[in-house]
Amino acid sequence: MPTAPAPVRRLDAGSIEELTTTAAKLLAFHGTATSPALLADLPLACSQLSESLRTALRPVDTADGLFVLRGLQVDDTRLGATPGHWSTAGGSGAVWDVVLLLVSGLMGTPIAWDGQQEGRFVHNIVPSPGHESVQTGASSSVLLTPHTEDAFHPGRAHLLLLCCMRNQDNIATTAASIRRTELADEDIAQLTRPVVPILPDDAYEDAQQFEGRPAPVPTLFAAEDGLTLRFDPAYTPLDEADEAWRAAYGRLEDQLARVSVAVSLEPGDVLVVDNDLVVHGRVPFTARYDGTDRWLKRASVRVPGRRSRPDAEAAEHGYGQAALEAWNA
């Protein structure tokens, strides 16, 4: 896998101070990062942030489909131990939840899910005992297969943000952009056909019990500025597809593997991924469960008015899952 560096946008000292001070004030006033009142105050707080921050947080603007926001610093001593499960994180690193919400609010509208991490707008991604080999962020010992975040749902995020709290072992996030691949026209034609569905992943137990019929969805879509994709092979019933489609899907997998890069985040880094262009995953590692394991915080963002998906997605049932928008929470 190539290890070429991801595009980096480095925050200047003034922007770092502005962002962290605003987050600390919001947290001190509201007491918790999960406060509905804090969410309600976010639009005003974001509107008062500087133009230099808005420039740094402009949309992804290269075919890489991602960038690393760098310059923020995490105090490892004050952070506390890596939780053993998202549900035990409590208020650990709460100021970083608010930082991530501010960054998200400058890019669009933060979203959450009824069926995941109790509707929180910022998720804690940590390895958890008993989940080592599943295809979710709680795994460790297996390759987390490259995928579109929440690919099963029509209301999935346009942008995915991963903020690194701890990564002492330099464990890499993998990323591959559809805009870097070289696909034959015949394969693109095959994969724009809605042939098979994408099923809910193991993080959505309620969705997996949904009784509605799964709807076939296209893997590729020709947006105005180029190809976009919706991809999650671990939760796609490939054996239900015809041979020509499966062959094209296999060549897409090969191309994504060819252009995949490894991004090893440092504490304070925020990886911003365009969820319509880039599939992401994670290399395997051995979790210690001693409080020093890798720890990320994750936020999902919708960009109002963006047209990068087929209109037909509006008719999908989303397996009964409801996406919550922060500004309406």
C-alpha atoms as a PDB file:
ATOM      1  CA  MET A   1       0.000   0.000   0.000  1.00  0.00           C
ATOM      2  CA  PRO A   2       1.416   3.430  -0.890  1.00  0.00           C
ATOM      3  CA  THR A   3       2.428   5.595   2.025  1.00  0.00           C
ATOM      4  CA  ALA A   4       2.440   8.956   0.226  1.00  0.00           C
ATOM      5  CA  PRO A   5       1.445  11.697   2.653  1.00  0.00           C
ATOM      6  CA  ALA A   6      -2.121  12.926   2.643  1.00  0.00           C
ATOM      7  CA  PRO A   7      -2.694  16.621   1.866  1.00  0.00           C
ATOM      8  CA  VAL A   8      -2.187  18.649   5.046  1.00  0.00           C
ATOM      9  CA  ARG A   9      -3.766  21.942   6.080  1.00  0.00           C
ATOM     10  CA  ARG A  10      -1.891  23.365   9.053  1.00  0.00           C
ATOM     11  CA  LEU A  11      -3.708  25.697  11.415  1.00  0.00           C
ATOM     12  CA  ASP A  12      -1.844  28.828  12.496  1.00  0.00           C
ATOM     13  CA  ALA A  13      -1.416  29.675  16.173  1.00  0.00           C
ATOM     14  CA  GLY A  14      -4.228  32.227  16.151  1.00  0.00           C
ATOM     15  CA  SER A  15      -6.717  29.798  14.647  1.00  0.00           C
ATOM     16  CA  ILE A  16      -5.748  27.091  17.142  1.00  0.00           C
ATOM     17  CA  GLU A  17      -6.236  29.487  20.061  1.00  0.00           C
ATOM     18  CA  GLU A  18      -9.562  30.689  18.702  1.00  0.00           C
ATOM     19  CA  LEU A  19     -10.911  27.190  18.142  1.00  0.00           C
ATOM     20  CA  THR A  20      -9.806  25.689  21.468  1.00  0.00           C
ATOM     21  CA  THR A  21     -10.810  28.731  23.531  1.00  0.00           C
ATOM     22  CA  THR A  22     -14.277  28.803  21.978  1.00  0.00           C
ATOM     23  CA  ALA A  23     -14.684  25.076  22.651  1.00  0.00           C
ATOM     24  CA  ALA A  24     -13.547  25.425  26.269  1.00  0.00           C
ATOM     25  CA  LYS A  25     -15.957  28.313  26.904  1.00  0.00           C
ATOM     26  CA  LEU A  26     -18.906  26.409  25.427  1.00  0.00           C
ATOM     27  CA  LEU A  27     -18.087  23.328  27.491  1.00  0.00           C
ATOM     28  CA  ALA A  28     -17.638  25.334  30.701  1.00  0.00           C
ATOM     29  CA  PHE A  29     -20.960  27.123  30.192  1.00  0.00           C
ATOM     30  CA  HIS A  30     -23.004  24.023  29.332  1.00  0.00           C
ATOM     31  CA  GLY A  31     -21.179  21.474  31.489  1.00  0.00           C
ATOM     32  CA  THR A  32     -21.263  18.619  28.989  1.00  0.00           C
ATOM     33  CA  ALA A  33     -20.555  18.179  25.295  1.00  0.00           C
ATOM     34  CA  THR A  34     -23.841  16.294  24.842  1.00  0.00           C
ATOM     35  CA  SER A  35     -26.027  19.156  26.088  1.00  0.00           C
ATOM     36  CA  PRO A  36     -28.877  20.025  23.666  1.00  0.00           C
ATOM     37  CA  ALA A  37     -28.359  23.665  24.658  1.00  0.00           C
ATOM     38  CA  LEU A  38     -24.715  23.478  23.557  1.00  0.00           C
ATOM     39  CA  LEU A  39     -25.830  22.087  20.189  1.00  0.00           C
ATOM     40  CA  ALA A  40     -28.313  24.952  19.898  1.00  0.00           C
ATOM     41  CA  ASP A  41     -25.521  27.468  20.543  1.00  0.00           C
ATOM     42  CA  LEU A  42     -23.183  26.002  17.933  1.00  0.00           C
ATOM     43  CA  PRO A  43     -24.475  27.895  14.859  1.00  0.00           C
ATOM     44  CA  LEU A  44     -23.917  31.266  16.561  1.00  0.00           C
ATOM     45  CA  ALA A  45     -20.496  30.193  17.851  1.00  0.00           C
ATOM     46  CA  CYS A  46     -19.494  29.030  14.373  1.00  0.00           C
ATOM     47  CA  SER A  47     -20.688  32.274  12.794  1.00  0.00           C
ATOM     48  CA  GLN A  48     -18.325  34.212  15.046  1.00  0.00           C
ATOM     49  CA  LEU A  49     -15.207  32.266  14.096  1.00  0.00           C
ATOM     50  CA  SER A  50     -12.621  33.954  11.881  1.00  0.00           C
ATOM     51  CA  GLU A  51     -12.220  33.947   8.133  1.00  0.00           C
ATOM     52  CA  SER A  52      -8.827  32.231   8.481  1.00  0.00           C
ATOM     53  CA  LEU A  53     -10.541  29.237  10.101  1.00  0.00           C
ATOM     54  CA  ARG A  54     -13.171  29.191   7.367  1.00  0.00           C
ATOM     55  CA  THR A  55     -10.426  29.164   4.751  1.00  0.00           C
ATOM     56  CA  ALA A  56      -8.622  26.284   6.461  1.00  0.00           C
ATOM     57  CA  LEU A  57     -11.891  24.370   6.680  1.00  0.00           C
ATOM     58  CA  ARG A  58     -13.012  24.919   3.095  1.00  0.00           C
ATOM     59  CA  PRO A  59     -14.359  21.822   1.297  1.00  0.00           C
ATOM     60  CA  VAL A  60     -12.081  19.030   0.153  1.00  0.00           C
ATOM     61  CA  ASP A  61     -10.693  20.395  -3.108  1.00  0.00           C
ATOM     62  CA  THR A  62      -8.410  17.748  -4.614  1.00  0.00           C
ATOM     63  CA  ALA A  63      -8.953  14.368  -6.257  1.00  0.00           C
ATOM     64  CA  ASP A  64      -7.484  12.790  -3.102  1.00  0.00           C
ATOM     65  CA  GLY A  65     -10.852  13.454  -1.479  1.00  0.00           C
ATOM     66  CA  LEU A  66      -9.345  14.105   1.936  1.00  0.00           C
ATOM     67  CA  PHE A  67      -6.979  16.230   3.978  1.00  0.00           C
ATOM     68  CA  VAL A  68      -5.437  16.251   7.452  1.00  0.00           C
ATOM     69  CA  LEU A  69      -6.079  19.304   9.606  1.00  0.00           C
ATOM     70  CA  ARG A  70      -2.936  19.653  11.725  1.00  0.00           C
ATOM     71  CA  GLY A  71      -1.720  21.880  14.540  1.00  0.00           C
ATOM     72  CA  LEU A  72      -4.060  21.053  17.422  1.00  0.00           C
ATOM     73  CA  GLN A  73      -2.322  19.513  20.443  1.00  0.00           C
ATOM     74  CA  VAL A  74      -3.722  16.866  22.790  1.00  0.00           C
ATOM     75  CA  ASP A  75      -2.368  16.726  26.364  1.00  0.00           C
ATOM     76  CA  ASP A  76      -2.022  12.971  26.835  1.00  0.00           C
ATOM     77  CA  THR A  77      -1.692  13.241  30.620  1.00  0.00           C
ATOM     78  CA  ARG A  78      -4.911  15.231  31.049  1.00  0.00           C
ATOM     79  CA  LEU A  79      -6.778  13.077  28.544  1.00  0.00           C
ATOM     80  CA  GLY A  80      -6.934  10.002  30.756  1.00  0.00           C
ATOM     81  CA  ALA A  81      -6.941   6.352  29.783  1.00  0.00           C
ATOM     82  CA  THR A  82      -8.353   5.080  26.509  1.00  0.00           C
ATOM     83  CA  PRO A  83     -11.829   3.688  27.332  1.00  0.00           C
ATOM     84  CA  GLY A  84     -12.427  -0.018  26.842  1.00  0.00           C
ATOM     85  CA  HIS A  85     -15.770   0.679  25.146  1.00  0.00           C
ATOM     86  CA  TRP A  86     -17.502   3.765  23.750  1.00  0.00           C
ATOM     87  CA  SER A  87     -20.184   3.512  26.448  1.00  0.00           C
ATOM     88  CA  THR A  88     -17.632   3.971  29.256  1.00  0.00           C
ATOM     89  CA  ALA A  89     -15.974   7.062  27.768  1.00  0.00           C
ATOM     90  CA  GLY A  90     -18.237   9.441  29.702  1.00  0.00           C
ATOM     91  CA  GLY A  91     -16.864  12.974  29.477  1.00  0.00           C
ATOM     92  CA  SER A  92     -13.315  11.909  28.626  1.00  0.00           C
ATOM     93  CA  GLY A  93     -11.825  14.362  26.166  1.00  0.00           C
ATOM     94  CA  ALA A  94     -15.090  16.342  26.137  1.00  0.00           C
ATOM     95  CA  VAL A  95     -13.425  19.558  24.996  1.00  0.00           C
ATOM     96  CA  TRP A  96     -12.339  17.682  21.857  1.00  0.00           C
ATOM     97  CA  ASP A  97     -15.943  16.704  21.235  1.00  0.00           C
ATOM     98  CA  VAL A  98     -16.759  20.415  21.148  1.00  0.00           C
ATOM     99  CA  VAL A  99     -13.738  21.235  18.965  1.00  0.00           C
ATOM    100  CA  LEU A 100     -14.911  18.588  16.512  1.00  0.00           C
ATOM    101  CA  LEU A 101     -18.465  19.958  16.585  1.00  0.00           C
ATOM    102  CA  LEU A 102     -17.169  23.448  15.793  1.00  0.00           C
ATOM    103  CA  VAL A 103     -15.071  22.132  12.904  1.00  0.00           C
ATOM    104  CA  SER A 104     -18.088  20.162  11.681  1.00  0.00           C
ATOM    105  CA  GLY A 105     -20.348  23.196  11.973  1.00  0.00           C
ATOM    106  CA  LEU A 106     -18.061  25.260   9.760  1.00  0.00           C
ATOM    107  CA  MET A 107     -18.232  22.549   7.090  1.00  0.00           C
ATOM    108  CA  GLY A 108     -21.960  21.797   7.204  1.00  0.00           C
ATOM    109  CA  THR A 109     -24.482  20.289   9.622  1.00  0.00           C
ATOM    110  CA  PRO A 110     -23.355  17.646  12.151  1.00  0.00           C
ATOM    111  CA  ILE A 111     -25.546  14.533  12.194  1.00  0.00           C
ATOM    112  CA  ALA A 112     -26.080  11.631  14.571  1.00  0.00           C
ATOM    113  CA  TRP A 113     -28.019   8.356  14.489  1.00  0.00           C
ATOM    114  CA  ASP A 114     -30.749   7.098  16.805  1.00  0.00           C
ATOM    115  CA  GLY A 115     -29.319   3.603  16.581  1.00  0.00           C
ATOM    116  CA  GLN A 116     -25.626   4.293  17.168  1.00  0.00           C
ATOM    117  CA  GLN A 117     -23.825   5.320  20.361  1.00  0.00           C
ATOM    118  CA  GLU A 118     -27.102   6.504  21.903  1.00  0.00           C
ATOM    119  CA  GLY A 119     -27.578   9.329  19.400  1.00  0.00           C
ATOM    120  CA  ARG A 120     -24.328  11.126  20.214  1.00  0.00           C
ATOM    121  CA  PHE A 121     -23.019  13.610  17.652  1.00  0.00           C
ATOM    122  CA  VAL A 122     -19.396  12.690  18.421  1.00  0.00           C
ATOM    123  CA  HIS A 123     -18.466   9.014  18.681  1.00  0.00           C
ATOM    124  CA  ASN A 124     -15.552   7.465  20.546  1.00  0.00           C
ATOM    125  CA  ILE A 125     -13.765   4.898  18.377  1.00  0.00           C
ATOM    126  CA  VAL A 126     -11.763   2.491  20.537  1.00  0.00           C
ATOM    127  CA  PRO A 127     -10.901  -1.224  20.370  1.00  0.00           C
ATOM    128  CA  SER A 128     -13.237  -3.237  22.580  1.00  0.00           C
ATOM    129  CA  PRO A 129     -12.871  -6.734  24.069  1.00  0.00           C
ATOM    130  CA  GLY A 130     -15.013  -9.262  22.237  1.00  0.00           C
ATOM    131  CA  HIS A 131     -15.181  -7.131  19.073  1.00  0.00           C
ATOM    132  CA  GLU A 132     -11.701  -7.833  17.737  1.00  0.00           C
ATOM    133  CA  SER A 133     -12.809  -9.452  14.462  1.00  0.00           C
ATOM    134  CA  VAL A 134     -16.034  -7.598  13.591  1.00  0.00           C
ATOM    135  CA  GLN A 135     -16.311  -5.112  10.745  1.00  0.00           C
ATOM    136  CA  THR A 136     -16.862  -2.014  12.893  1.00  0.00           C
ATOM    137  CA  GLY A 137     -14.651   0.624  14.459  1.00  0.00           C
ATOM    138  CA  ALA A 138     -14.468  -1.414  17.676  1.00  0.00           C
ATOM    139  CA  SER A 139     -12.405  -4.119  15.951  1.00  0.00           C
ATOM    140  CA  SER A 140      -8.643  -4.500  16.045  1.00  0.00           C
ATOM    141  CA  SER A 141      -7.213  -7.835  14.914  1.00  0.00           C
ATOM    142  CA  VAL A 142      -8.672  -7.775  11.385  1.00  0.00           C
ATOM    143  CA  LEU A 143      -8.416  -5.390   8.466  1.00  0.00           C
ATOM    144  CA  LEU A 144     -11.334  -2.972   8.618  1.00  0.00           C
ATOM    145  CA  THR A 145     -12.422  -3.336   5.003  1.00  0.00           C
ATOM    146  CA  PRO A 146     -12.430  -0.067   3.024  1.00  0.00           C
ATOM    147  CA  HIS A 147     -15.972   1.263   2.940  1.00  0.00           C
ATOM    148  CA  THR A 148     -18.247   4.275   2.619  1.00  0.00           C
ATOM    149  CA  GLU A 149     -19.359   5.387   6.082  1.00  0.00           C
ATOM    150  CA  ASP A 150     -22.955   4.267   6.753  1.00  0.00           C
ATOM    151  CA  ALA A 151     -23.253   3.157   3.142  1.00  0.00           C
ATOM    152  CA  PHE A 152     -26.581   1.412   3.811  1.00  0.00           C
ATOM    153  CA  HIS A 153     -28.380   4.710   4.443  1.00  0.00           C
ATOM    154  CA  PRO A 154     -29.470   7.445   1.980  1.00  0.00           C
ATOM    155  CA  GLY A 155     -28.917  10.080   4.684  1.00  0.00           C
ATOM    156  CA  ARG A 156     -25.275   9.153   5.297  1.00  0.00           C
ATOM    157  CA  ALA A 157     -22.743  11.901   5.852  1.00  0.00           C
ATOM    158  CA  HIS A 158     -21.102  13.809   3.034  1.00  0.00           C
ATOM    159  CA  LEU A 159     -18.017  14.315   5.199  1.00  0.00           C
ATOM    160  CA  LEU A 160     -16.436  12.110   7.849  1.00  0.00           C
ATOM    161  CA  LEU A 161     -14.125  13.621  10.475  1.00  0.00           C
ATOM    162  CA  LEU A 162     -11.712  11.517  12.548  1.00  0.00           C
ATOM    163  CA  CYS A 163      -9.903  13.337  15.356  1.00  0.00           C
ATOM    164  CA  CYS A 164      -6.957  11.491  16.875  1.00  0.00           C
ATOM    165  CA  MET A 165      -6.743  11.422  20.663  1.00  0.00           C
ATOM    166  CA  ARG A 166      -4.068   8.740  20.965  1.00  0.00           C
ATOM    167  CA  ASN A 167      -2.147   6.588  18.492  1.00  0.00           C
ATOM    168  CA  GLN A 168       1.063   5.459  20.158  1.00  0.00           C
ATOM    169  CA  ASP A 169       1.451   2.529  17.760  1.00  0.00           C
ATOM    170  CA  ASN A 170       1.085   4.614  14.567  1.00  0.00           C
ATOM    171  CA  ILE A 171      -1.876   2.532  13.418  1.00  0.00           C
ATOM    172  CA  ALA A 172      -2.877   3.645   9.949  1.00  0.00           C
ATOM    173  CA  THR A 173      -6.255   4.618   8.585  1.00  0.00           C
ATOM    174  CA  THR A 174      -6.503   3.526   4.956  1.00  0.00           C
ATOM    175  CA  ALA A 175      -8.122   5.701   2.299  1.00  0.00           C
ATOM    176  CA  ALA A 176      -8.752   5.374  -1.432  1.00  0.00           C
ATOM    177  CA  SER A 177     -10.393   7.866  -3.778  1.00  0.00           C
ATOM    178  CA  ILE A 178     -12.591   6.851  -6.697  1.00  0.00           C
ATOM    179  CA  ARG A 179     -11.154   9.863  -8.555  1.00  0.00           C
ATOM    180  CA  ARG A 180      -7.685   8.226  -8.509  1.00  0.00           C
ATOM    181  CA  THR A 181      -8.842   4.930 -10.023  1.00  0.00           C
ATOM    182  CA  GLU A 182      -8.689   3.914 -13.685  1.00  0.00           C
ATOM    183  CA  LEU A 183     -11.868   2.046 -14.566  1.00  0.00           C
ATOM    184  CA  ALA A 184     -13.003   0.916 -18.000  1.00  0.00           C
ATOM    185  CA  ASP A 185     -16.184   2.503 -19.325  1.00  0.00           C
ATOM    186  CA  GLU A 186     -17.767  -0.954 -19.354  1.00  0.00           C
ATOM    187  CA  ASP A 187     -17.122  -1.412 -15.638  1.00  0.00           C
ATOM    188  CA  ILE A 188     -18.519   2.024 -14.828  1.00  0.00           C
ATOM    189  CA  ALA A 189     -21.648   1.172 -16.827  1.00  0.00           C
ATOM    190  CA  GLN A 190     -22.074  -2.068 -14.879  1.00  0.00           C
ATOM    191  CA  LEU A 191     -21.612  -0.478 -11.473  1.00  0.00           C
ATOM    192  CA  THR A 192     -24.025   2.391 -12.071  1.00  0.00           C
ATOM    193  CA  ARG A 193     -26.768  -0.254 -12.272  1.00  0.00           C
ATOM    194  CA  PRO A 194     -28.707  -0.834  -8.995  1.00  0.00           C
ATOM    195  CA  VAL A 195     -28.191  -4.591  -8.715  1.00  0.00           C
ATOM    196  CA  VAL A 196     -27.817  -5.502  -5.012  1.00  0.00           C
ATOM    197  CA  PRO A 197     -28.418  -3.693  -1.709  1.00  0.00           C
ATOM    198  CA  ILE A 198     -25.977  -2.607   0.980  1.00  0.00           C
ATOM    199  CA  LEU A 199     -27.077  -3.979   4.349  1.00  0.00           C
ATOM    200  CA  PRO A 200     -26.702  -2.282   7.765  1.00  0.00           C
ATOM    201  CA  ASP A 201     -23.413  -2.997   9.490  1.00  0.00           C
ATOM    202  CA  ASP A 202     -22.998  -4.588  12.915  1.00  0.00           C
ATOM    203  CA  ALA A 203     -23.036  -1.204  14.681  1.00  0.00           C
ATOM    204  CA  TYR A 204     -26.768  -0.943  13.869  1.00  0.00           C
ATOM    205  CA  GLU A 205     -28.484  -3.882  15.551  1.00  0.00           C
ATOM    206  CA  ASP A 206     -31.981  -2.386  15.256  1.00  0.00           C
ATOM    207  CA  ALA A 207     -31.517  -1.739  11.541  1.00  0.00           C
ATOM    208  CA  GLN A 208     -30.460  -5.344  11.005  1.00  0.00           C
ATOM    209  CA  GLN A 209     -33.877  -6.431  12.331  1.00  0.00           C
ATOM    210  CA  PHE A 210     -35.797  -4.171   9.934  1.00  0.00           C
ATOM    211  CA  GLU A 211     -38.438  -6.143   8.041  1.00  0.00           C
ATOM    212  CA  GLY A 212     -38.601  -4.007   4.889  1.00  0.00           C
ATOM    213  CA  ARG A 213     -37.165  -5.362   1.667  1.00  0.00           C
ATOM    214  CA  PRO A 214     -33.574  -4.179   1.010  1.00  0.00           C
ATOM    215  CA  ALA A 215     -33.423  -1.969  -2.085  1.00  0.00           C
ATOM    216  CA  PRO A 216     -30.702  -2.480  -4.716  1.00  0.00           C
ATOM    217  CA  VAL A 217     -28.430   0.562  -5.019  1.00  0.00           C
ATOM    218  CA  PRO A 218     -25.791   1.636  -7.567  1.00  0.00           C
ATOM    219  CA  THR A 219     -22.150   1.459  -6.535  1.00  0.00           C
ATOM    220  CA  LEU A 220     -21.073   4.362  -8.760  1.00  0.00           C
ATOM    221  CA  PHE A 221     -22.783   7.599  -9.710  1.00  0.00           C
ATOM    222  CA  ALA A 222     -21.729  10.238 -12.240  1.00  0.00           C
ATOM    223  CA  ALA A 223     -22.049  13.547 -10.408  1.00  0.00           C
ATOM    224  CA  GLU A 224     -21.507  16.890 -12.128  1.00  0.00           C
ATOM    225  CA  ASP A 225     -17.823  17.000 -11.164  1.00  0.00           C
ATOM    226  CA  GLY A 226     -16.965  13.304 -11.575  1.00  0.00           C
ATOM    227  CA  LEU A 227     -17.595   9.842 -10.198  1.00  0.00           C
ATOM    228  CA  THR A 228     -18.831   9.245  -6.668  1.00  0.00           C
ATOM    229  CA  LEU A 229     -19.277   5.889  -4.958  1.00  0.00           C
ATOM    230  CA  ARG A 230     -21.290   3.992  -2.349  1.00  0.00           C
ATOM    231  CA  PHE A 231     -19.264   0.980  -1.317  1.00  0.00           C
ATOM    232  CA  ASP A 232     -19.214  -1.543   1.523  1.00  0.00           C
ATOM    233  CA  PRO A 233     -18.248  -5.040   0.345  1.00  0.00           C
ATOM    234  CA  ALA A 234     -18.426  -6.539   3.844  1.00  0.00           C
ATOM    235  CA  TYR A 235     -22.174  -5.813   3.936  1.00  0.00           C
ATOM    236  CA  THR A 236     -23.040  -6.276   0.268  1.00  0.00           C
ATOM    237  CA  PRO A 237     -24.579  -9.645  -0.786  1.00  0.00           C
ATOM    238  CA  LEU A 238     -22.300 -10.006  -3.804  1.00  0.00           C
ATOM    239  CA  ASP A 239     -23.444 -13.564  -4.529  1.00  0.00           C
ATOM    240  CA  GLU A 240     -26.885 -12.212  -5.471  1.00  0.00           C
ATOM    241  CA  ALA A 241     -25.443 -10.225  -8.402  1.00  0.00           C
ATOM    242  CA  ASP A 242     -24.922 -11.388 -11.964  1.00  0.00           C
ATOM    243  CA  GLU A 243     -21.483 -12.481 -13.113  1.00  0.00           C
ATOM    244  CA  ALA A 244     -20.702  -9.386 -15.199  1.00  0.00           C
ATOM    245  CA  TRP A 245     -21.536  -7.059 -12.296  1.00  0.00           C
ATOM    246  CA  ARG A 246     -19.473  -9.101  -9.830  1.00  0.00           C
ATOM    247  CA  ALA A 247     -16.494  -9.020 -12.176  1.00  0.00           C
ATOM    248  CA  ALA A 248     -16.731  -5.226 -12.487  1.00  0.00           C
ATOM    249  CA  TYR A 249     -17.061  -4.907  -8.702  1.00  0.00           C
ATOM    250  CA  GLY A 250     -13.945  -7.015  -8.270  1.00  0.00           C
ATOM    251  CA  ARG A 251     -12.005  -4.762 -10.621  1.00  0.00           C
ATOM    252  CA  LEU A 252     -13.210  -1.734  -8.646  1.00  0.00           C
ATOM    253  CA  GLU A 253     -11.906  -3.361  -5.465  1.00  0.00           C
ATOM    254  CA  ASP A 254      -8.559  -3.952  -7.162  1.00  0.00           C
ATOM    255  CA  GLN A 255      -8.357  -0.342  -8.322  1.00  0.00           C
ATOM    256  CA  LEU A 256      -9.204   1.023  -4.891  1.00  0.00           C
ATOM    257  CA  ALA A 257      -6.507  -1.193  -3.386  1.00  0.00           C
ATOM    258  CA  ARG A 258      -4.038   0.087  -5.986  1.00  0.00           C
ATOM    259  CA  VAL A 259      -4.590   3.739  -5.093  1.00  0.00           C
ATOM    260  CA  SER A 260      -5.068   3.244  -1.342  1.00  0.00           C
ATOM    261  CA  VAL A 261      -2.866   5.274   0.981  1.00  0.00           C
ATOM    262  CA  ALA A 262      -2.070   4.784   4.657  1.00  0.00           C
ATOM    263  CA  VAL A 263      -2.596   7.788   6.936  1.00  0.00           C
ATOM    264  CA  SER A 264      -1.114   7.493  10.428  1.00  0.00           C
ATOM    265  CA  LEU A 265      -2.702  10.226  12.515  1.00  0.00           C
ATOM    266  CA  GLU A 266      -0.931  12.074  15.305  1.00  0.00           C
ATOM    267  CA  PRO A 267      -2.752  13.271  18.446  1.00  0.00           C
ATOM    268  CA  GLY A 268      -4.678  16.422  17.539  1.00  0.00           C
ATOM    269  CA  ASP A 269      -4.859  15.599  13.823  1.00  0.00           C
ATOM    270  CA  VAL A 270      -8.298  15.710  12.223  1.00  0.00           C
ATOM    271  CA  LEU A 271      -8.676  13.595   9.095  1.00  0.00           C
ATOM    272  CA  VAL A 272     -11.432  15.000   6.857  1.00  0.00           C
ATOM    273  CA  VAL A 273     -12.771  12.477   4.341  1.00  0.00           C
ATOM    274  CA  ASP A 274     -15.213  13.154   1.515  1.00  0.00           C
ATOM    275  CA  ASN A 275     -17.585  10.228   2.040  1.00  0.00           C
ATOM    276  CA  ASP A 276     -18.789  10.366  -1.577  1.00  0.00           C
ATOM    277  CA  LEU A 277     -15.293  10.083  -3.055  1.00  0.00           C
ATOM    278  CA  VAL A 278     -13.231   8.111  -0.562  1.00  0.00           C
ATOM    279  CA  VAL A 279     -13.548   4.725   1.094  1.00  0.00           C
ATOM    280  CA  HIS A 280     -11.700   4.338   4.367  1.00  0.00           C
ATOM    281  CA  GLY A 281     -10.614   1.473   6.601  1.00  0.00           C
ATOM    282  CA  ARG A 282      -7.920   0.557   9.112  1.00  0.00           C
ATOM    283  CA  VAL A 283      -4.986  -1.818   9.254  1.00  0.00           C
ATOM    284  CA  PRO A 284      -5.066  -4.662  11.823  1.00  0.00           C
ATOM    285  CA  PHE A 285      -3.393  -4.252  15.194  1.00  0.00           C
ATOM    286  CA  THR A 286      -3.158  -5.981  18.554  1.00  0.00           C
ATOM    287  CA  ALA A 287      -5.144  -4.206  21.253  1.00  0.00           C
ATOM    288  CA  ARG A 288      -3.667  -4.177  24.763  1.00  0.00           C
ATOM    289  CA  TYR A 289      -6.705  -2.920  26.687  1.00  0.00           C
ATOM    290  CA  ASP A 290      -4.377  -1.202  29.118  1.00  0.00           C
ATOM    291  CA  GLY A 291      -5.557   2.387  28.635  1.00  0.00           C
ATOM    292  CA  THR A 292      -2.975   3.239  25.943  1.00  0.00           C
ATOM    293  CA  ASP A 293      -4.721   1.900  22.820  1.00  0.00           C
ATOM    294  CA  ARG A 294      -5.606   3.939  19.765  1.00  0.00           C
ATOM    295  CA  TRP A 295      -8.481   6.368  20.351  1.00  0.00           C
ATOM    296  CA  LEU A 296     -10.284   8.470  17.764  1.00  0.00           C
ATOM    297  CA  LYS A 297     -13.304  10.733  17.963  1.00  0.00           C
ATOM    298  CA  ARG A 298     -15.619  10.674  14.950  1.00  0.00           C
ATOM    299  CA  ALA A 299     -18.118  13.188  13.616  1.00  0.00           C
ATOM    300  CA  SER A 300     -20.379  13.042  10.561  1.00  0.00           C
ATOM    301  CA  VAL A 301     -21.413  16.064   8.508  1.00  0.00           C
ATOM    302  CA  ARG A 302     -24.040  16.751   5.873  1.00  0.00           C
ATOM    303  CA  VAL A 303     -23.427  19.552   3.391  1.00  0.00           C
ATOM    304  CA  PRO A 304     -26.756  21.277   2.628  1.00  0.00           C
ATOM    305  CA  GLY A 305     -27.628  21.482  -1.043  1.00  0.00           C
ATOM    306  CA  ARG A 306     -24.888  19.138  -2.202  1.00  0.00           C
ATOM    307  CA  ARG A 307     -25.827  17.062  -5.271  1.00  0.00           C
ATOM    308  CA  SER A 308     -23.459  14.120  -5.405  1.00  0.00           C
ATOM    309  CA  ARG A 309     -25.939  11.228  -5.184  1.00  0.00           C
ATOM    310  CA  PRO A 310     -28.747   9.771  -7.325  1.00  0.00           C
ATOM    311  CA  ASP A 311     -32.159  11.340  -6.820  1.00  0.00           C
ATOM    312  CA  ALA A 312     -33.591   7.827  -6.358  1.00  0.00           C
ATOM    313  CA  GLU A 313     -31.969   7.612  -2.916  1.00  0.00           C
ATOM    314  CA  ALA A 314     -34.722   9.846  -1.540  1.00  0.00           C
ATOM    315  CA  ALA A 315     -37.168   6.924  -1.805  1.00  0.00           C
ATOM    316  CA  GLU A 316     -35.089   4.504   0.301  1.00  0.00           C
ATOM    317  CA  HIS A 317     -36.354   3.416   3.721  1.00  0.00           C
ATOM    318  CA  GLY A 318     -32.948   3.506   5.412  1.00  0.00           C
ATOM    319  CA  TYR A 319     -33.796   0.330   7.347  1.00  0.00           C
ATOM    320  CA  GLY A 320     -35.829   2.389   9.777  1.00  0.00           C
ATOM    321  CA  GLN A 321     -32.860   4.428  10.990  1.00  0.00           C
ATOM    322  CA  ALA A 322     -33.338   8.133  11.634  1.00  0.00           C
ATOM    323  CA  ALA A 323     -30.525  10.611  11.132  1.00  0.00           C
ATOM    324  CA  LEU A 324     -30.604  13.532  13.583  1.00  0.00           C
ATOM    325  CA  GLU A 325     -29.386  16.985  12.584  1.00  0.00           C
ATOM    326  CA  ALA A 326     -27.598  18.973  15.288  1.00  0.00           C
ATOM    327  CA  TRP A 327     -29.349  22.224  14.493  1.00  0.00           C
ATOM    328  CA  ASN A 328     -32.728  20.556  14.936  1.00  0.00           C
ATOM    329  CA  ALA A 329     -31.807  18.473  17.988  1.00  0.00           C
END
